[in-house]
Amino acid sequence: MTLSEMIAQCFIYGDSFKNACVCVVFPEEDWVNRWARTNNVTGSFEELCNNAELRKVVLADMLRLATEKKLSSLEKPKETILWPELCSVENDMLTSTFKMKRNVTQKVFKP
């Protein structure tokens, strides 16, 4: 999914309480700001990440790529969460070897 110009990082999350996988997307801030200007949407980057129209645009592009790469329907996300903060070692979302930490889903899916 990082073949999309709008996505900086992403991961797919399988939640046992949901019927389908959820894709957590860390969008490219420059692309989001251009999209906002083009669509006359205002707000901070964090506010834009909560915009339903932006989520639809990102999901549509991900589904386009998934179809292009011939992914099965089980591999295609049905829901997308846009998260404004990139994963890094400093924010405790990556290990020192740059692997995703297990606690990332707890940060994104706050109870």
PDB file of N, CA and C in Angstrom:
ATOM      1  N   MET A   1       0.804  -1.192   0.000  1.00  0.00           N
ATOM      2  CA  MET A   1       0.000   0.000   0.000  1.00  0.00           C
ATOM      3  C   MET A   1       0.851   1.262   0.000  1.00  0.00           C
ATOM      4  N   THR A   2       2.116   1.111   0.316  1.00  0.00           N
ATOM      5  CA  THR A   2       2.963   2.299   0.283  1.00  0.00           C
ATOM      6  C   THR A   2       3.307   2.702  -1.148  1.00  0.00           C
ATOM      7  N   LEU A   3       2.724   2.020  -2.146  1.00  0.00           N
ATOM      8  CA  LEU A   3       2.871   2.447  -3.532  1.00  0.00           C
ATOM      9  C   LEU A   3       2.021   3.679  -3.803  1.00  0.00           C
ATOM     10  N   SER A   4       1.135   3.993  -2.901  1.00  0.00           N
ATOM     11  CA  SER A   4       0.269   5.160  -3.036  1.00  0.00           C
ATOM     12  C   SER A   4       1.025   6.400  -2.574  1.00  0.00           C
ATOM     13  N   GLU A   5       0.902   7.481  -3.330  1.00  0.00           N
ATOM     14  CA  GLU A   5       1.589   8.722  -2.966  1.00  0.00           C
ATOM     15  C   GLU A   5       1.000   9.355  -1.711  1.00  0.00           C
ATOM     16  N   MET A   6      -0.184   8.925  -1.304  1.00  0.00           N
ATOM     17  CA  MET A   6      -0.823   9.514  -0.137  1.00  0.00           C
ATOM     18  C   MET A   6      -0.493   8.795   1.165  1.00  0.00           C
ATOM     19  N   ILE A   7       0.231   7.670   1.087  1.00  0.00           N
ATOM     20  CA  ILE A   7       0.507   6.866   2.275  1.00  0.00           C
ATOM     21  C   ILE A   7       2.003   6.861   2.592  1.00  0.00           C
ATOM     22  N   ALA A   8       2.332   7.266   3.822  1.00  0.00           N
ATOM     23  CA  ALA A   8       3.727   7.216   4.278  1.00  0.00           C
ATOM     24  C   ALA A   8       4.023   5.848   4.889  1.00  0.00           C
ATOM     25  N   GLN A   9       3.142   5.383   5.757  1.00  0.00           N
ATOM     26  CA  GLN A   9       3.264   4.075   6.394  1.00  0.00           C
ATOM     27  C   GLN A   9       1.857   3.515   6.563  1.00  0.00           C
ATOM     28  N   CYS A  10       1.764   2.212   6.686  1.00  0.00           N
ATOM     29  CA  CYS A  10       0.467   1.613   6.996  1.00  0.00           C
ATOM     30  C   CYS A  10       0.671   0.205   7.519  1.00  0.00           C
ATOM     31  N   PHE A  11      -0.333  -0.297   8.217  1.00  0.00           N
ATOM     32  CA  PHE A  11      -0.345  -1.699   8.600  1.00  0.00           C
ATOM     33  C   PHE A  11      -1.788  -2.169   8.656  1.00  0.00           C
ATOM     34  N   ILE A  12      -1.966  -3.445   8.427  1.00  0.00           N
ATOM     35  CA  ILE A  12      -3.286  -4.066   8.462  1.00  0.00           C
ATOM     36  C   ILE A  12      -3.444  -4.715   9.830  1.00  0.00           C
ATOM     37  N   TYR A  13      -4.598  -4.506  10.420  1.00  0.00           N
ATOM     38  CA  TYR A  13      -4.861  -5.022  11.757  1.00  0.00           C
ATOM     39  C   TYR A  13      -6.092  -5.909  11.722  1.00  0.00           C
ATOM     40  N   GLY A  14      -5.958  -7.121  12.196  1.00  0.00           N
ATOM     41  CA  GLY A  14      -7.088  -8.031  12.304  1.00  0.00           C
ATOM     42  C   GLY A  14      -7.634  -7.990  13.710  1.00  0.00           C
ATOM     43  N   ASP A  15      -8.812  -7.421  13.873  1.00  0.00           N
ATOM     44  CA  ASP A  15      -9.450  -7.290  15.179  1.00  0.00           C
ATOM     45  C   ASP A  15     -10.526  -8.367  15.299  1.00  0.00           C
ATOM     46  N   SER A  16     -10.467  -9.158  16.336  1.00  0.00           N
ATOM     47  CA  SER A  16     -11.435 -10.253  16.494  1.00  0.00           C
ATOM     48  C   SER A  16     -12.857  -9.742  16.720  1.00  0.00           C
ATOM     49  N   PHE A  17     -12.999  -8.458  17.044  1.00  0.00           N
ATOM     50  CA  PHE A  17     -14.326  -7.885  17.252  1.00  0.00           C
ATOM     51  C   PHE A  17     -14.897  -7.242  15.992  1.00  0.00           C
ATOM     52  N   LYS A  18     -14.165  -7.297  14.897  1.00  0.00           N
ATOM     53  CA  LYS A  18     -14.624  -6.742  13.622  1.00  0.00           C
ATOM     54  C   LYS A  18     -14.731  -7.859  12.596  1.00  0.00           C
ATOM     55  N   ASN A  19     -15.597  -7.669  11.574  1.00  0.00           N
ATOM     56  CA  ASN A  19     -15.790  -8.711  10.557  1.00  0.00           C
ATOM     57  C   ASN A  19     -14.705  -8.696   9.491  1.00  0.00           C
ATOM     58  N   ALA A  20     -13.917  -7.648   9.411  1.00  0.00           N
ATOM     59  CA  ALA A  20     -12.910  -7.538   8.354  1.00  0.00           C
ATOM     60  C   ALA A  20     -11.672  -6.842   8.907  1.00  0.00           C
ATOM     61  N   CYS A  21     -10.598  -6.931   8.143  1.00  0.00           N
ATOM     62  CA  CYS A  21      -9.370  -6.279   8.587  1.00  0.00           C
ATOM     63  C   CYS A  21      -9.502  -4.756   8.476  1.00  0.00           C
ATOM     64  N   VAL A  22      -8.762  -4.078   9.320  1.00  0.00           N
ATOM     65  CA  VAL A  22      -8.749  -2.623   9.359  1.00  0.00           C
ATOM     66  C   VAL A  22      -7.348  -2.183   8.963  1.00  0.00           C
ATOM     67  N   CYS A  23      -7.265  -1.184   8.116  1.00  0.00           N
ATOM     68  CA  CYS A  23      -5.958  -0.670   7.720  1.00  0.00           C
ATOM     69  C   CYS A  23      -5.702   0.638   8.451  1.00  0.00           C
ATOM     70  N   VAL A  24      -4.612   0.678   9.180  1.00  0.00           N
ATOM     71  CA  VAL A  24      -4.196   1.903   9.858  1.00  0.00           C
ATOM     72  C   VAL A  24      -3.193   2.578   8.937  1.00  0.00           C
ATOM     73  N   VAL A  25      -3.536   3.778   8.491  1.00  0.00           N
ATOM     74  CA  VAL A  25      -2.727   4.504   7.518  1.00  0.00           C
ATOM     75  C   VAL A  25      -2.120   5.735   8.182  1.00  0.00           C
ATOM     76  N   PHE A  26      -0.837   5.918   7.954  1.00  0.00           N
ATOM     77  CA  PHE A  26      -0.125   7.111   8.383  1.00  0.00           C
ATOM     78  C   PHE A  26       0.086   7.917   7.104  1.00  0.00           C
ATOM     79  N   PRO A  27      -0.797   8.896   6.845  1.00  0.00           N
ATOM     80  CA  PRO A  27      -0.765   9.581   5.550  1.00  0.00           C
ATOM     81  C   PRO A  27       0.411  10.541   5.394  1.00  0.00           C
ATOM     82  N   GLU A  28       0.759  10.802   4.138  1.00  0.00           N
ATOM     83  CA  GLU A  28       1.777  11.794   3.800  1.00  0.00           C
ATOM     84  C   GLU A  28       1.208  13.181   4.083  1.00  0.00           C
ATOM     85  N   GLU A  29       1.831  13.903   4.961  1.00  0.00           N
ATOM     86  CA  GLU A  29       1.302  15.210   5.380  1.00  0.00           C
ATOM     87  C   GLU A  29       1.214  16.193   4.215  1.00  0.00           C
ATOM     88  N   ASP A  30       2.211  16.229   3.350  1.00  0.00           N
ATOM     89  CA  ASP A  30       2.172  17.143   2.200  1.00  0.00           C
ATOM     90  C   ASP A  30       0.997  16.829   1.286  1.00  0.00           C
ATOM     91  N   TRP A  31       0.762  15.551   1.032  1.00  0.00           N
ATOM     92  CA  TRP A  31      -0.344  15.163   0.165  1.00  0.00           C
ATOM     93  C   TRP A  31      -1.685  15.550   0.797  1.00  0.00           C
ATOM     94  N   VAL A  32      -1.819  15.309   2.095  1.00  0.00           N
ATOM     95  CA  VAL A  32      -3.061  15.653   2.800  1.00  0.00           C
ATOM     96  C   VAL A  32      -3.309  17.153   2.739  1.00  0.00           C
ATOM     97  N   ASN A  33      -2.257  17.947   2.938  1.00  0.00           N
ATOM     98  CA  ASN A  33      -2.416  19.404   2.885  1.00  0.00           C
ATOM     99  C   ASN A  33      -2.817  19.867   1.481  1.00  0.00           C
ATOM    100  N   ARG A  34      -2.251  19.250   0.438  1.00  0.00           N
ATOM    101  CA  ARG A  34      -2.659  19.589  -0.939  1.00  0.00           C
ATOM    102  C   ARG A  34      -4.109  19.214  -1.179  1.00  0.00           C
ATOM    103  N   TRP A  35      -4.504  18.023  -0.701  1.00  0.00           N
ATOM    104  CA  TRP A  35      -5.894  17.579  -0.839  1.00  0.00           C
ATOM    105  C   TRP A  35      -6.832  18.572  -0.150  1.00  0.00           C
ATOM    106  N   ALA A  36      -6.453  19.018   1.042  1.00  0.00           N
ATOM    107  CA  ALA A  36      -7.297  19.951   1.805  1.00  0.00           C
ATOM    108  C   ALA A  36      -7.450  21.272   1.055  1.00  0.00           C
ATOM    109  N   ARG A  37      -6.350  21.791   0.511  1.00  0.00           N
ATOM    110  CA  ARG A  37      -6.431  23.050  -0.252  1.00  0.00           C
ATOM    111  C   ARG A  37      -7.320  22.887  -1.478  1.00  0.00           C
ATOM    112  N   THR A  38      -7.146  21.788  -2.203  1.00  0.00           N
ATOM    113  CA  THR A  38      -7.926  21.521  -3.412  1.00  0.00           C
ATOM    114  C   THR A  38      -9.417  21.393  -3.102  1.00  0.00           C
ATOM    115  N   ASN A  39      -9.739  20.829  -1.949  1.00  0.00           N
ATOM    116  CA  ASN A  39     -11.130  20.577  -1.583  1.00  0.00           C
ATOM    117  C   ASN A  39     -11.696  21.601  -0.598  1.00  0.00           C
ATOM    118  N   ASN A  40     -10.970  22.699  -0.398  1.00  0.00           N
ATOM    119  CA  ASN A  40     -11.403  23.769   0.508  1.00  0.00           C
ATOM    120  C   ASN A  40     -11.765  23.261   1.901  1.00  0.00           C
ATOM    121  N   VAL A  41     -10.906  22.405   2.422  1.00  0.00           N
ATOM    122  CA  VAL A  41     -11.089  21.873   3.772  1.00  0.00           C
ATOM    123  C   VAL A  41     -10.006  22.486   4.649  1.00  0.00           C
ATOM    124  N   THR A  42     -10.388  22.966   5.815  1.00  0.00           N
ATOM    125  CA  THR A  42      -9.416  23.578   6.712  1.00  0.00           C
ATOM    126  C   THR A  42      -9.266  22.744   7.971  1.00  0.00           C
ATOM    127  N   GLY A  43      -8.183  22.973   8.662  1.00  0.00           N
ATOM    128  CA  GLY A  43      -7.931  22.283   9.923  1.00  0.00           C
ATOM    129  C   GLY A  43      -6.481  21.861  10.022  1.00  0.00           C
ATOM    130  N   SER A  44      -6.109  21.446  11.214  1.00  0.00           N
ATOM    131  CA  SER A  44      -4.759  20.942  11.436  1.00  0.00           C
ATOM    132  C   SER A  44      -4.637  19.576  10.772  1.00  0.00           C
ATOM    133  N   PHE A  45      -3.413  19.098  10.686  1.00  0.00           N
ATOM    134  CA  PHE A  45      -3.183  17.778  10.093  1.00  0.00           C
ATOM    135  C   PHE A  45      -3.961  16.712  10.858  1.00  0.00           C
ATOM    136  N   GLU A  46      -3.959  16.799  12.169  1.00  0.00           N
ATOM    137  CA  GLU A  46      -4.687  15.833  12.994  1.00  0.00           C
ATOM    138  C   GLU A  46      -6.192  15.906  12.719  1.00  0.00           C
ATOM    139  N   GLU A  47      -6.729  17.103  12.574  1.00  0.00           N
ATOM    140  CA  GLU A  47      -8.156  17.257  12.260  1.00  0.00           C
ATOM    141  C   GLU A  47      -8.469  16.703  10.872  1.00  0.00           C
ATOM    142  N   LEU A  48      -7.571  16.947   9.919  1.00  0.00           N
ATOM    143  CA  LEU A  48      -7.780  16.426   8.565  1.00  0.00           C
ATOM    144  C   LEU A  48      -7.785  14.900   8.558  1.00  0.00           C
ATOM    145  N   CYS A  49      -6.975  14.286   9.424  1.00  0.00           N
ATOM    146  CA  CYS A  49      -6.938  12.819   9.488  1.00  0.00           C
ATOM    147  C   CYS A  49      -8.259  12.245   9.994  1.00  0.00           C
ATOM    148  N   ASN A  50      -9.078  13.058  10.624  1.00  0.00           N
ATOM    149  CA  ASN A  50     -10.397  12.622  11.091  1.00  0.00           C
ATOM    150  C   ASN A  50     -11.499  12.926  10.080  1.00  0.00           C
ATOM    151  N   ASN A  51     -11.138  13.478   8.930  1.00  0.00           N
ATOM    152  CA  ASN A  51     -12.109  13.852   7.907  1.00  0.00           C
ATOM    153  C   ASN A  51     -12.610  12.606   7.175  1.00  0.00           C
ATOM    154  N   ALA A  52     -13.925  12.424   7.168  1.00  0.00           N
ATOM    155  CA  ALA A  52     -14.525  11.234   6.551  1.00  0.00           C
ATOM    156  C   ALA A  52     -14.279  11.180   5.046  1.00  0.00           C
ATOM    157  N   GLU A  53     -14.312  12.328   4.378  1.00  0.00           N
ATOM    158  CA  GLU A  53     -14.083  12.351   2.921  1.00  0.00           C
ATOM    159  C   GLU A  53     -12.652  11.944   2.589  1.00  0.00           C
ATOM    160  N   LEU A  54     -11.704  12.416   3.381  1.00  0.00           N
ATOM    161  CA  LEU A  54     -10.302  12.041   3.162  1.00  0.00           C
ATOM    162  C   LEU A  54     -10.134  10.537   3.360  1.00  0.00           C
ATOM    163  N   ARG A  55     -10.763   9.977   4.394  1.00  0.00           N
ATOM    164  CA  ARG A  55     -10.692   8.523   4.612  1.00  0.00           C
ATOM    165  C   ARG A  55     -11.240   7.765   3.412  1.00  0.00           C
ATOM    166  N   LYS A  56     -12.324   8.258   2.823  1.00  0.00           N
ATOM    167  CA  LYS A  56     -12.907   7.602   1.643  1.00  0.00           C
ATOM    168  C   LYS A  56     -11.941   7.634   0.463  1.00  0.00           C
ATOM    169  N   VAL A  57     -11.265   8.768   0.278  1.00  0.00           N
ATOM    170  CA  VAL A  57     -10.307   8.906  -0.831  1.00  0.00           C
ATOM    171  C   VAL A  57      -9.139   7.936  -0.644  1.00  0.00           C
ATOM    172  N   VAL A  58      -8.612   7.872   0.563  1.00  0.00           N
ATOM    173  CA  VAL A  58      -7.480   6.979   0.846  1.00  0.00           C
ATOM    174  C   VAL A  58      -7.906   5.521   0.676  1.00  0.00           C
ATOM    175  N   LEU A  59      -9.072   5.151   1.209  1.00  0.00           N
ATOM    176  CA  LEU A  59      -9.542   3.772   1.077  1.00  0.00           C
ATOM    177  C   LEU A  59      -9.766   3.402  -0.386  1.00  0.00           C
ATOM    178  N   ALA A  60     -10.327   4.321  -1.161  1.00  0.00           N
ATOM    179  CA  ALA A  60     -10.560   4.055  -2.589  1.00  0.00           C
ATOM    180  C   ALA A  60      -9.241   3.797  -3.310  1.00  0.00           C
ATOM    181  N   ASP A  61      -8.204   4.577  -2.983  1.00  0.00           N
ATOM    182  CA  ASP A  61      -6.906   4.364  -3.628  1.00  0.00           C
ATOM    183  C   ASP A  61      -6.291   3.042  -3.192  1.00  0.00           C
ATOM    184  N   MET A  62      -6.469   2.682  -1.920  1.00  0.00           N
ATOM    185  CA  MET A  62      -5.951   1.399  -1.443  1.00  0.00           C
ATOM    186  C   MET A  62      -6.659   0.235  -2.129  1.00  0.00           C
ATOM    187  N   LEU A  63      -7.959   0.348  -2.305  1.00  0.00           N
ATOM    188  CA  LEU A  63      -8.707  -0.716  -2.986  1.00  0.00           C
ATOM    189  C   LEU A  63      -8.310  -0.806  -4.452  1.00  0.00           C
ATOM    190  N   ARG A  64      -8.029   0.341  -5.067  1.00  0.00           N
ATOM    191  CA  ARG A  64      -7.545   0.338  -6.452  1.00  0.00           C
ATOM    192  C   ARG A  64      -6.226  -0.432  -6.543  1.00  0.00           C
ATOM    193  N   LEU A  65      -5.306  -0.134  -5.629  1.00  0.00           N
ATOM    194  CA  LEU A  65      -4.015  -0.822  -5.622  1.00  0.00           C
ATOM    195  C   LEU A  65      -4.178  -2.311  -5.316  1.00  0.00           C
ATOM    196  N   ALA A  66      -5.064  -2.634  -4.387  1.00  0.00           N
ATOM    197  CA  ALA A  66      -5.291  -4.032  -4.024  1.00  0.00           C
ATOM    198  C   ALA A  66      -5.827  -4.824  -5.211  1.00  0.00           C
ATOM    199  N   THR A  67      -6.729  -4.216  -5.969  1.00  0.00           N
ATOM    200  CA  THR A  67      -7.274  -4.868  -7.156  1.00  0.00           C
ATOM    201  C   THR A  67      -6.193  -5.011  -8.220  1.00  0.00           C
ATOM    202  N   GLU A  68      -5.411  -3.945  -8.388  1.00  0.00           N
ATOM    203  CA  GLU A  68      -4.312  -3.946  -9.361  1.00  0.00           C
ATOM    204  C   GLU A  68      -3.306  -5.057  -9.052  1.00  0.00           C
ATOM    205  N   LYS A  69      -3.039  -5.274  -7.762  1.00  0.00           N
ATOM    206  CA  LYS A  69      -2.063  -6.291  -7.340  1.00  0.00           C
ATOM    207  C   LYS A  69      -2.707  -7.658  -7.113  1.00  0.00           C
ATOM    208  N   LYS A  70      -3.999  -7.760  -7.464  1.00  0.00           N
ATOM    209  CA  LYS A  70      -4.743  -9.019  -7.402  1.00  0.00           C
ATOM    210  C   LYS A  70      -4.790  -9.635  -6.000  1.00  0.00           C
ATOM    211  N   LEU A  71      -5.034  -8.798  -5.003  1.00  0.00           N
ATOM    212  CA  LEU A  71      -5.193  -9.303  -3.646  1.00  0.00           C
ATOM    213  C   LEU A  71      -6.571  -9.938  -3.508  1.00  0.00           C
ATOM    214  N   SER A  72      -6.677 -10.924  -2.658  1.00  0.00           N
ATOM    215  CA  SER A  72      -7.972 -11.566  -2.430  1.00  0.00           C
ATOM    216  C   SER A  72      -8.858 -10.642  -1.603  1.00  0.00           C
ATOM    217  N   SER A  73     -10.130 -10.936  -1.553  1.00  0.00           N
ATOM    218  CA  SER A  73     -11.055 -10.082  -0.802  1.00  0.00           C
ATOM    219  C   SER A  73     -10.716 -10.079   0.692  1.00  0.00           C
ATOM    220  N   LEU A  74     -10.127 -11.161   1.194  1.00  0.00           N
ATOM    221  CA  LEU A  74      -9.725 -11.204   2.603  1.00  0.00           C
ATOM    222  C   LEU A  74      -8.562 -10.267   2.898  1.00  0.00           C
ATOM    223  N   GLU A  75      -7.758  -9.964   1.888  1.00  0.00           N
ATOM    224  CA  GLU A  75      -6.594  -9.106   2.067  1.00  0.00           C
ATOM    225  C   GLU A  75      -6.912  -7.624   1.870  1.00  0.00           C
ATOM    226  N   LYS A  76      -8.102  -7.335   1.396  1.00  0.00           N
ATOM    227  CA  LYS A  76      -8.494  -5.947   1.138  1.00  0.00           C
ATOM    228  C   LYS A  76      -9.139  -5.352   2.380  1.00  0.00           C
ATOM    229  N   PRO A  77      -8.653  -4.197   2.803  1.00  0.00           N
ATOM    230  CA  PRO A  77      -9.242  -3.577   3.997  1.00  0.00           C
ATOM    231  C   PRO A  77     -10.660  -3.085   3.720  1.00  0.00           C
ATOM    232  N   LYS A  78     -11.495  -3.176   4.727  1.00  0.00           N
ATOM    233  CA  LYS A  78     -12.871  -2.700   4.611  1.00  0.00           C
ATOM    234  C   LYS A  78     -13.054  -1.379   5.365  1.00  0.00           C
ATOM    235  N   GLU A  79     -12.116  -1.082   6.243  1.00  0.00           N
ATOM    236  CA  GLU A  79     -12.176   0.132   7.044  1.00  0.00           C
ATOM    237  C   GLU A  79     -10.766   0.703   7.150  1.00  0.00           C
ATOM    238  N   THR A  80     -10.702   2.021   7.230  1.00  0.00           N
ATOM    239  CA  THR A  80      -9.404   2.689   7.319  1.00  0.00           C
ATOM    240  C   THR A  80      -9.409   3.679   8.474  1.00  0.00           C
ATOM    241  N   ILE A  81      -8.317   3.707   9.189  1.00  0.00           N
ATOM    242  CA  ILE A  81      -8.103   4.712  10.226  1.00  0.00           C
ATOM    243  C   ILE A  81      -6.896   5.517   9.786  1.00  0.00           C
ATOM    244  N   LEU A  82      -7.019   6.840   9.760  1.00  0.00           N
ATOM    245  CA  LEU A  82      -5.881   7.700   9.440  1.00  0.00           C
ATOM    246  C   LEU A  82      -5.280   8.177  10.759  1.00  0.00           C
ATOM    247  N   TRP A  83      -4.005   7.881  10.944  1.00  0.00           N
ATOM    248  CA  TRP A  83      -3.311   8.211  12.187  1.00  0.00           C
ATOM    249  C   TRP A  83      -2.249   9.268  11.875  1.00  0.00           C
ATOM    250  N   PRO A  84      -2.274  10.409  12.537  1.00  0.00           N
ATOM    251  CA  PRO A  84      -1.410  11.528  12.162  1.00  0.00           C
ATOM    252  C   PRO A  84       0.067  11.398  12.540  1.00  0.00           C
ATOM    253  N   GLU A  85       0.406  10.500  13.426  1.00  0.00           N
ATOM    254  CA  GLU A  85       1.782  10.402  13.906  1.00  0.00           C
ATOM    255  C   GLU A  85       2.471   9.180  13.314  1.00  0.00           C
ATOM    256  N   LEU A  86       3.566   9.391  12.573  1.00  0.00           N
ATOM    257  CA  LEU A  86       4.314   8.272  11.991  1.00  0.00           C
ATOM    258  C   LEU A  86       4.894   7.388  13.085  1.00  0.00           C
ATOM    259  N   CYS A  87       5.062   6.129  12.782  1.00  0.00           N
ATOM    260  CA  CYS A  87       5.695   5.202  13.723  1.00  0.00           C
ATOM    261  C   CYS A  87       7.186   5.520  13.806  1.00  0.00           C
ATOM    262  N   SER A  88       7.686   5.564  15.024  1.00  0.00           N
ATOM    263  CA  SER A  88       9.119   5.797  15.221  1.00  0.00           C
ATOM    264  C   SER A  88       9.548   5.151  16.531  1.00  0.00           C
ATOM    265  N   VAL A  89      10.853   5.057  16.722  1.00  0.00           N
ATOM    266  CA  VAL A  89      11.403   4.526  17.963  1.00  0.00           C
ATOM    267  C   VAL A  89      11.101   5.513  19.088  1.00  0.00           C
ATOM    268  N   GLU A  90      11.187   6.814  18.781  1.00  0.00           N
ATOM    269  CA  GLU A  90      10.996   7.857  19.779  1.00  0.00           C
ATOM    270  C   GLU A  90       9.589   7.848  20.381  1.00  0.00           C
ATOM    271  N   ASN A  91       8.574   7.572  19.580  1.00  0.00           N
ATOM    272  CA  ASN A  91       7.214   7.565  20.128  1.00  0.00           C
ATOM    273  C   ASN A  91       6.787   6.171  20.578  1.00  0.00           C
ATOM    274  N   ASP A  92       7.743   5.246  20.669  1.00  0.00           N
ATOM    275  CA  ASP A  92       7.524   3.901  21.210  1.00  0.00           C
ATOM    276  C   ASP A  92       6.582   3.049  20.361  1.00  0.00           C
ATOM    277  N   MET A  93       6.551   3.316  19.052  1.00  0.00           N
ATOM    278  CA  MET A  93       5.727   2.501  18.164  1.00  0.00           C
ATOM    279  C   MET A  93       6.577   1.504  17.373  1.00  0.00           C
ATOM    280  N   LEU A  94       7.899   1.733  17.334  1.00  0.00           N
ATOM    281  CA  LEU A  94       8.835   0.813  16.678  1.00  0.00           C
ATOM    282  C   LEU A  94       9.893   0.371  17.674  1.00  0.00           C
ATOM    283  N   THR A  95      10.411  -0.839  17.472  1.00  0.00           N
ATOM    284  CA  THR A  95      11.523  -1.315  18.289  1.00  0.00           C
ATOM    285  C   THR A  95      12.806  -0.659  17.785  1.00  0.00           C
ATOM    286  N   SER A  96      13.892  -0.883  18.470  1.00  0.00           N
ATOM    287  CA  SER A  96      15.184  -0.314  18.044  1.00  0.00           C
ATOM    288  C   SER A  96      15.651  -0.906  16.720  1.00  0.00           C
ATOM    289  N   THR A  97      15.070  -2.036  16.315  1.00  0.00           N
ATOM    290  CA  THR A  97      15.391  -2.634  15.011  1.00  0.00           C
ATOM    291  C   THR A  97      14.321  -2.291  13.966  1.00  0.00           C
ATOM    292  N   PHE A  98      13.511  -1.292  14.279  1.00  0.00           N
ATOM    293  CA  PHE A  98      12.482  -0.734  13.376  1.00  0.00           C
ATOM    294  C   PHE A  98      11.373  -1.718  13.022  1.00  0.00           C
ATOM    295  N   LYS A  99      11.033  -2.559  13.982  1.00  0.00           N
ATOM    296  CA  LYS A  99       9.888  -3.452  13.820  1.00  0.00           C
ATOM    297  C   LYS A  99       8.717  -2.868  14.602  1.00  0.00           C
ATOM    298  N   MET A 100       7.507  -3.109  14.125  1.00  0.00           N
ATOM    299  CA  MET A 100       6.313  -2.607  14.777  1.00  0.00           C
ATOM    300  C   MET A 100       6.162  -3.237  16.161  1.00  0.00           C
ATOM    301  N   LYS A 101       5.920  -2.399  17.170  1.00  0.00           N
ATOM    302  CA  LYS A 101       5.689  -2.918  18.519  1.00  0.00           C
ATOM    303  C   LYS A 101       4.239  -3.361  18.658  1.00  0.00           C
ATOM    304  N   ARG A 102       4.021  -4.294  19.529  1.00  0.00           N
ATOM    305  CA  ARG A 102       2.677  -4.804  19.746  1.00  0.00           C
ATOM    306  C   ARG A 102       1.749  -3.763  20.360  1.00  0.00           C
ATOM    307  N   ASN A 103       2.291  -2.786  21.057  1.00  0.00           N
ATOM    308  CA  ASN A 103       1.453  -1.790  21.727  1.00  0.00           C
ATOM    309  C   ASN A 103       0.882  -0.741  20.768  1.00  0.00           C
ATOM    310  N   VAL A 104       1.247  -0.793  19.505  1.00  0.00           N
ATOM    311  CA  VAL A 104       0.767   0.197  18.536  1.00  0.00           C
ATOM    312  C   VAL A 104      -0.750   0.148  18.440  1.00  0.00           C
ATOM    313  N   THR A 105      -1.310  -1.036  18.410  1.00  0.00           N
ATOM    314  CA  THR A 105      -2.767  -1.137  18.286  1.00  0.00           C
ATOM    315  C   THR A 105      -3.452  -0.553  19.521  1.00  0.00           C
ATOM    316  N   GLN A 106      -2.814  -0.616  20.690  1.00  0.00           N
ATOM    317  CA  GLN A 106      -3.402  -0.024  21.883  1.00  0.00           C
ATOM    318  C   GLN A 106      -3.422   1.503  21.785  1.00  0.00           C
ATOM    319  N   LYS A 107      -2.429   2.083  21.120  1.00  0.00           N
ATOM    320  CA  LYS A 107      -2.406   3.526  20.937  1.00  0.00           C
ATOM    321  C   LYS A 107      -3.465   3.966  19.933  1.00  0.00           C
ATOM    322  N   VAL A 108      -3.592   3.211  18.853  1.00  0.00           N
ATOM    323  CA  VAL A 108      -4.515   3.571  17.772  1.00  0.00           C
ATOM    324  C   VAL A 108      -5.958   3.274  18.153  1.00  0.00           C
ATOM    325  N   PHE A 109      -6.188   2.104  18.744  1.00  0.00           N
ATOM    326  CA  PHE A 109      -7.536   1.687  19.125  1.00  0.00           C
ATOM    327  C   PHE A 109      -7.702   1.891  20.628  1.00  0.00           C
ATOM    328  N   LYS A 110      -7.764   3.137  21.035  1.00  0.00           N
ATOM    329  CA  LYS A 110      -7.886   3.454  22.461  1.00  0.00           C
ATOM    330  C   LYS A 110      -9.224   2.954  23.001  1.00  0.00           C
ATOM    331  N   PRO A 111      -9.185   2.292  24.173  1.00  0.00           N
ATOM    332  CA  PRO A 111     -10.440   1.784  24.756  1.00  0.00           C
ATOM    333  C   PRO A 111     -11.350   2.914  25.230  1.00  0.00           C
TER     334      PRO A 111
END
